[in-house]
Amino acid sequence: MKAPILSVVALAAVFLVACGPSEAELTAATEQAAADSVAAVAAAEHTYVVDVANSKVMWTGTMLGIKSHHGTINLTEGKVSVQGGKLTAGSFTVDMTSMAPLDTNYAADGAKQGTRSMLIGHLQSPDFFDVADHPTATFEITGSDMTSAGGKLTVRGTSDEEKVTDIVITEENGMLKATGKIGFDRQKYGAKWASPMKDMVLNNVIELTVELTGTVQ
């Protein structure tokens, strides 16, 4: 009677081995689980605090399309959320008192007009951005797709809808790098200066390039 019992046990063992997953199937399952885990991480929303010391906003203003001035302005704070490579929320604040010119289209120091300090003083005056009464400007994201985002820009205490274009986002090891461009009409925000001199006409559109670096919250 023992032999038939052993035979049944042996057959059952062979059946179980034959019906179990093969080595290739186990490997494929492991690889799929890893891929699913990576996909889940990528699909999750992450919020980043902006590193203001390593982030910047670059501005450009053009006169008659022939001569332009450009420079930087510092951020004071910011936070952005990203999901699946797309901005989902965020805001940042810039210090309007920190305008710094970088181009060379200026008269020498000591000249009666056209120097760097004169330009910055004029831009910060009530003719333009009235920095004494409005020392900061802000942007808040209200919606986005993969390469652009809409939001509320506030300058001189006035808010209006603007669009960030050419957005590029990189996330790696808990770090974020994001860039984008904004062009806004200064007239909408009360920066309405217009020179009576034809060769001093300043384009109404001020162009901004934003470069953000952040760490995951």
Protein backbone atom coordinates (compact mmCIF):
# COMPACT_ATOMS: atom_id res chain seq x y z
CA MET A 1 0.00 0.00 0.00
CA LYS A 2 2.95 2.37 0.59
CA ALA A 3 4.12 2.36 -3.00
CA PRO A 4 0.88 3.75 -4.46
CA ILE A 5 0.81 6.46 -1.76
CA LEU A 6 4.40 7.51 -2.61
CA SER A 7 3.54 7.53 -6.26
CA VAL A 8 0.59 9.85 -5.64
CA VAL A 9 2.78 12.21 -3.57
CA ALA A 10 5.46 12.21 -6.26
CA LEU A 11 2.92 12.93 -8.97
CA ALA A 12 1.46 15.79 -6.90
CA ALA A 13 4.92 17.29 -6.41
CA VAL A 14 5.62 17.10 -10.15
CA PHE A 15 2.24 18.73 -10.86
CA LEU A 16 2.88 21.58 -8.44
CA VAL A 17 6.34 22.28 -9.90
CA ALA A 18 4.99 22.12 -13.42
CA CYS A 19 2.15 24.55 -12.59
CA GLY A 20 4.34 27.06 -10.70
CA PRO A 21 5.89 30.18 -12.33
CA SER A 22 9.00 29.67 -14.38
CA GLU A 23 12.23 31.56 -13.71
CA ALA A 24 11.51 33.81 -16.71
CA GLU A 25 8.03 34.55 -15.38
CA LEU A 26 9.41 35.40 -11.93
CA THR A 27 12.00 37.75 -13.51
CA ALA A 28 9.32 39.42 -15.64
CA ALA A 29 7.08 39.87 -12.59
CA THR A 30 9.93 41.46 -10.63
CA GLU A 31 10.76 43.84 -13.48
CA GLN A 32 7.10 44.81 -13.86
CA ALA A 33 6.80 45.50 -10.13
CA ALA A 34 9.86 47.75 -10.31
CA ALA A 35 8.46 49.56 -13.36
CA ASP A 36 5.11 50.03 -11.60
CA SER A 37 6.89 51.46 -8.58
CA VAL A 38 8.86 53.93 -10.71
CA ALA A 39 5.67 54.91 -12.54
CA ALA A 40 3.87 55.46 -9.24
CA VAL A 41 6.65 57.74 -8.01
CA ALA A 42 6.60 59.67 -11.29
CA ALA A 43 2.82 60.04 -11.15
CA ALA A 44 2.80 61.34 -7.59
CA GLU A 45 2.56 65.06 -6.91
CA HIS A 46 5.65 66.63 -5.37
CA THR A 47 5.89 70.10 -3.82
CA TYR A 48 9.21 71.95 -3.98
CA VAL A 49 10.40 74.93 -1.97
CA VAL A 50 12.24 77.38 -4.23
CA ASP A 51 15.92 77.88 -3.44
CA VAL A 52 15.98 81.67 -3.90
CA ALA A 53 19.78 81.87 -3.77
CA ASN A 54 20.06 79.64 -6.84
CA SER A 55 16.99 80.87 -8.73
CA LYS A 56 16.51 84.07 -10.72
CA VAL A 57 14.27 86.13 -12.95
CA MET A 58 15.83 87.81 -16.00
CA TRP A 59 14.11 90.85 -17.55
CA THR A 60 14.42 92.50 -20.97
CA GLY A 61 13.02 95.84 -22.16
CA THR A 62 13.42 97.03 -25.76
CA MET A 63 13.42 100.51 -27.24
CA LEU A 64 12.03 100.69 -30.78
CA GLY A 65 13.19 97.14 -31.41
CA ILE A 66 16.76 98.31 -31.88
CA LYS A 67 18.28 98.65 -28.46
CA SER A 68 17.41 96.59 -25.41
CA HIS A 69 18.34 96.52 -21.76
CA HIS A 70 18.38 93.36 -19.70
CA GLY A 71 19.22 92.28 -16.19
CA THR A 72 18.12 90.23 -13.21
CA ILE A 73 15.78 90.54 -10.28
CA ASN A 74 15.89 88.41 -7.14
CA LEU A 75 13.26 86.07 -5.75
CA THR A 76 12.33 86.27 -2.08
CA GLU A 77 10.24 83.08 -1.80
CA GLY A 78 8.42 80.49 -3.84
CA LYS A 79 6.84 77.07 -3.91
CA VAL A 80 5.72 74.90 -6.84
CA SER A 81 3.96 71.54 -7.16
CA VAL A 82 4.63 69.12 -10.02
CA GLN A 83 2.80 65.96 -11.07
CA GLY A 84 3.68 63.84 -14.07
CA GLY A 85 6.10 66.48 -15.34
CA LYS A 86 3.43 69.22 -15.23
CA LEU A 87 3.10 72.22 -12.92
CA THR A 88 -0.07 71.85 -10.88
CA ALA A 89 0.24 74.76 -8.46
CA GLY A 90 2.68 77.28 -7.13
CA SER A 91 3.64 80.90 -6.64
CA PHE A 92 6.72 83.04 -6.30
CA THR A 93 7.58 86.56 -5.15
CA VAL A 94 10.28 88.88 -6.48
CA ASP A 95 12.01 91.82 -4.82
CA MET A 96 11.42 94.85 -7.07
CA THR A 97 14.18 96.77 -5.28
CA SER A 98 16.78 94.25 -6.50
CA MET A 99 16.73 95.16 -10.23
CA ALA A 100 20.25 94.84 -11.61
CA PRO A 101 21.27 95.70 -15.22
CA LEU A 102 23.65 93.36 -17.05
CA ASP A 103 23.89 94.78 -20.58
CA THR A 104 26.37 97.40 -21.82
CA ASN A 105 23.98 99.78 -23.63
CA TYR A 106 24.61 102.64 -21.22
CA ALA A 107 26.41 105.96 -21.14
CA ALA A 108 29.52 106.24 -19.00
CA ASP A 109 29.06 107.09 -15.33
CA GLY A 110 28.90 110.83 -14.89
CA ALA A 111 26.98 111.41 -18.12
CA LYS A 112 23.89 113.63 -18.01
CA GLN A 113 21.61 110.81 -19.12
CA GLY A 114 21.57 107.14 -20.13
CA THR A 115 23.63 105.69 -17.27
CA ARG A 116 22.84 102.41 -15.52
CA SER A 117 21.85 104.06 -12.28
CA MET A 118 19.55 106.48 -14.10
CA LEU A 119 17.76 103.63 -15.88
CA ILE A 120 17.24 101.62 -12.70
CA GLY A 121 16.13 104.73 -10.83
CA HIS A 122 13.61 105.46 -13.58
CA LEU A 123 12.29 101.89 -13.66
CA GLN A 124 11.80 101.98 -9.90
CA SER A 125 10.07 105.38 -9.99
CA PRO A 126 6.29 106.03 -10.15
CA ASP A 127 6.71 106.38 -13.94
CA PHE A 128 7.21 102.63 -14.07
CA PHE A 129 6.99 100.18 -11.17
CA ASP A 130 6.69 102.54 -8.18
CA VAL A 131 8.93 100.35 -6.06
CA ALA A 132 8.73 102.57 -2.96
CA ASP A 133 5.02 101.77 -2.61
CA HIS A 134 5.09 98.32 -4.25
CA PRO A 135 8.40 96.64 -3.32
CA THR A 136 7.35 93.14 -4.45
CA ALA A 137 5.61 91.49 -7.40
CA THR A 138 4.05 88.02 -7.40
CA PHE A 139 2.90 85.31 -9.77
CA GLU A 140 0.43 82.56 -8.83
CA ILE A 141 -0.26 79.55 -11.07
CA THR A 142 -3.94 78.93 -11.79
CA GLY A 143 -3.77 76.19 -14.45
CA SER A 144 -1.31 74.45 -16.76
CA ASP A 145 -0.51 71.90 -19.43
CA MET A 146 2.86 70.29 -20.12
CA THR A 147 4.61 73.34 -21.66
CA SER A 148 2.63 76.36 -20.46
CA ALA A 149 0.82 77.67 -17.40
CA GLY A 150 -1.72 80.38 -16.77
CA GLY A 151 -1.59 82.50 -13.68
CA LYS A 152 -2.19 85.77 -11.88
CA LEU A 153 0.59 88.34 -12.08
CA THR A 154 0.49 91.18 -9.55
CA VAL A 155 2.59 94.30 -10.23
CA ARG A 156 2.12 97.72 -8.59
CA GLY A 157 -0.81 96.25 -6.67
CA THR A 158 -2.66 95.41 -9.89
CA SER A 159 -3.42 91.80 -10.86
CA ASP A 160 -4.10 90.35 -14.31
CA GLU A 161 -3.95 87.00 -16.06
CA GLU A 162 -0.69 86.13 -17.82
CA LYS A 163 0.79 83.00 -19.41
CA VAL A 164 4.11 81.26 -18.85
CA THR A 165 5.37 79.56 -22.03
CA ASP A 166 8.26 77.26 -23.00
CA ILE A 167 8.18 75.48 -19.64
CA VAL A 168 10.86 72.85 -19.11
CA ILE A 169 10.87 70.78 -15.90
CA THR A 170 13.49 68.38 -14.57
CA GLU A 171 13.01 66.35 -11.39
CA GLU A 172 15.83 64.24 -9.99
CA ASN A 173 16.84 63.03 -6.53
CA GLY A 174 14.43 65.35 -4.74
CA MET A 175 15.58 68.38 -6.75
CA LEU A 176 13.64 70.50 -9.23
CA LYS A 177 14.80 72.69 -12.08
CA ALA A 178 12.13 74.61 -13.97
CA THR A 179 12.35 77.36 -16.60
CA GLY A 180 9.72 79.38 -18.44
CA LYS A 181 9.03 82.73 -20.13
CA ILE A 182 6.49 85.48 -19.48
CA GLY A 183 5.80 88.53 -21.62
CA PHE A 184 3.51 91.14 -20.02
CA ASP A 185 2.18 94.53 -21.10
CA ARG A 186 3.43 97.05 -18.54
CA GLN A 187 0.55 99.42 -19.40
CA LYS A 188 -1.95 97.02 -17.81
CA TYR A 189 -0.18 97.43 -14.47
CA GLY A 190 0.10 101.22 -14.44
CA ALA A 191 3.71 101.44 -15.72
CA LYS A 192 2.56 103.92 -18.34
CA TRP A 193 5.60 106.08 -18.98
CA ALA A 194 5.87 107.30 -22.58
CA SER A 195 8.67 109.63 -23.73
CA PRO A 196 7.94 112.61 -25.98
CA MET A 197 11.21 111.79 -27.75
CA LYS A 198 10.56 109.45 -30.67
CA ASP A 199 13.89 107.62 -30.31
CA MET A 200 13.16 106.85 -26.65
CA VAL A 201 9.93 104.90 -27.18
CA LEU A 202 9.98 101.82 -24.95
CA ASN A 203 8.14 98.69 -26.01
CA ASN A 204 5.12 98.04 -23.80
CA VAL A 205 5.98 94.34 -23.45
CA ILE A 206 8.48 93.44 -20.75
CA GLU A 207 9.95 89.96 -21.22
CA LEU A 208 10.83 87.73 -18.28
CA THR A 209 12.72 84.43 -18.17
CA VAL A 210 12.25 82.54 -14.92
CA GLU A 211 14.75 79.93 -13.71
CA LEU A 212 13.74 78.07 -10.55
CA THR A 213 15.67 75.57 -8.47
CA GLY A 214 13.93 73.82 -5.61
CA THR A 215 14.10 71.00 -3.08
CA VAL A 216 11.24 68.62 -2.32
CA GLN A 217 9.20 69.59 0.72
